[in-house]
């Protein structure tokens, strides 16, 4: 924490950082702070977190009749392995008192609090998972989710935290893990991976960009008829423009969007179908009922994968695949996702054979 405070004060002159013990009484409205940082190791269970949030996120009346503004971002500092307690060595770490499971509960409680927030101002979360704090000369690695192993230096942890709080919009509403010690001079590409999040990347490709994007569009148009795909998909051209922040000068893409199916939450029993017919006016024409059901299906985001062909500001040709069309209640279609990514890898392999690097 001291390293982070020093970095933050250097980056933002005049910033005020207040450290409060979890056992202390939290200020109502968070004293108008813009960001609340929670250390998972400092809380014994989710009830302690809920007590903190109930006070810090409350809007308060300020002198002069103005309404205070509670934090708009909650950052949780947690540990790698909280989502892998069934795998070694995290299964062993979790044996003594279930400490990783407790940290996972804290993470989930923060995400739930943010998603359930309905009053102003808007609220975002960032879950930052780090390894044991030890000095390291290894280059910093950072990925979405909880997938890395290793230790994290105090300097690296502080630098990542600074970027997440002060500079990187992609860190909002994202979970990331970071290990290593030697920090990069440029951070944007590491945080770009959080948008979606990114699932797959193929770098240093050869050949014309337009030809590659057209090749991937034709590949995508074959996917709706692929019999091993367990979830039906439709294909749309991506409209994501080039982004200077992401250091992308040219971009084209295609999206494989999952179609709704009569499974999971969408499944209706016969009695439920009768009730829906009554609610939507079964006495009206069948076409209007079908139109109503179609509109309801359109409202729910089913998820998908966006495949982007990009030329970076350095002139590198690459392809990235990331999740898209995701909502708060969207279920990740893991089997279909794995199938699409495997097919994409095969397609890129063929492209490389036809366009070898010089």
Foldseek 3Di string as FASTA:
>chain_A
DVLLVVVLCVVPPPDDDDDDQLPDDQAALNQLDQEAEAELVRDDAQVSVVNNCVRQCHWDQDPPRDIGAGYQEYEYEAAFCLVPCVDPPNVVVCPVPRSSVRSVRNVVSVLVVLVPDDDDDRHWYAYEHFYAADAFAFEKAKAFDRDDDAHAHPNRVSVVVCCLPPPDPLRTNTYMYMHGYHYDPDDLQRSCCRVLNWDDKDWQADDDLVVVQVLVLVVLVCVQVPPQQPFHWDKDWDPDAADVSNQFDGKTKMKTFTADDCDDPNPDDPVRVVVLCVVQPVVDDPVSSVVVVVVVRVVQQQKTKMWMFTQGNVRMTMIIIGIDSDDPPHDDPVSNVVVVVVSVVVSVVVSCVVGPDD
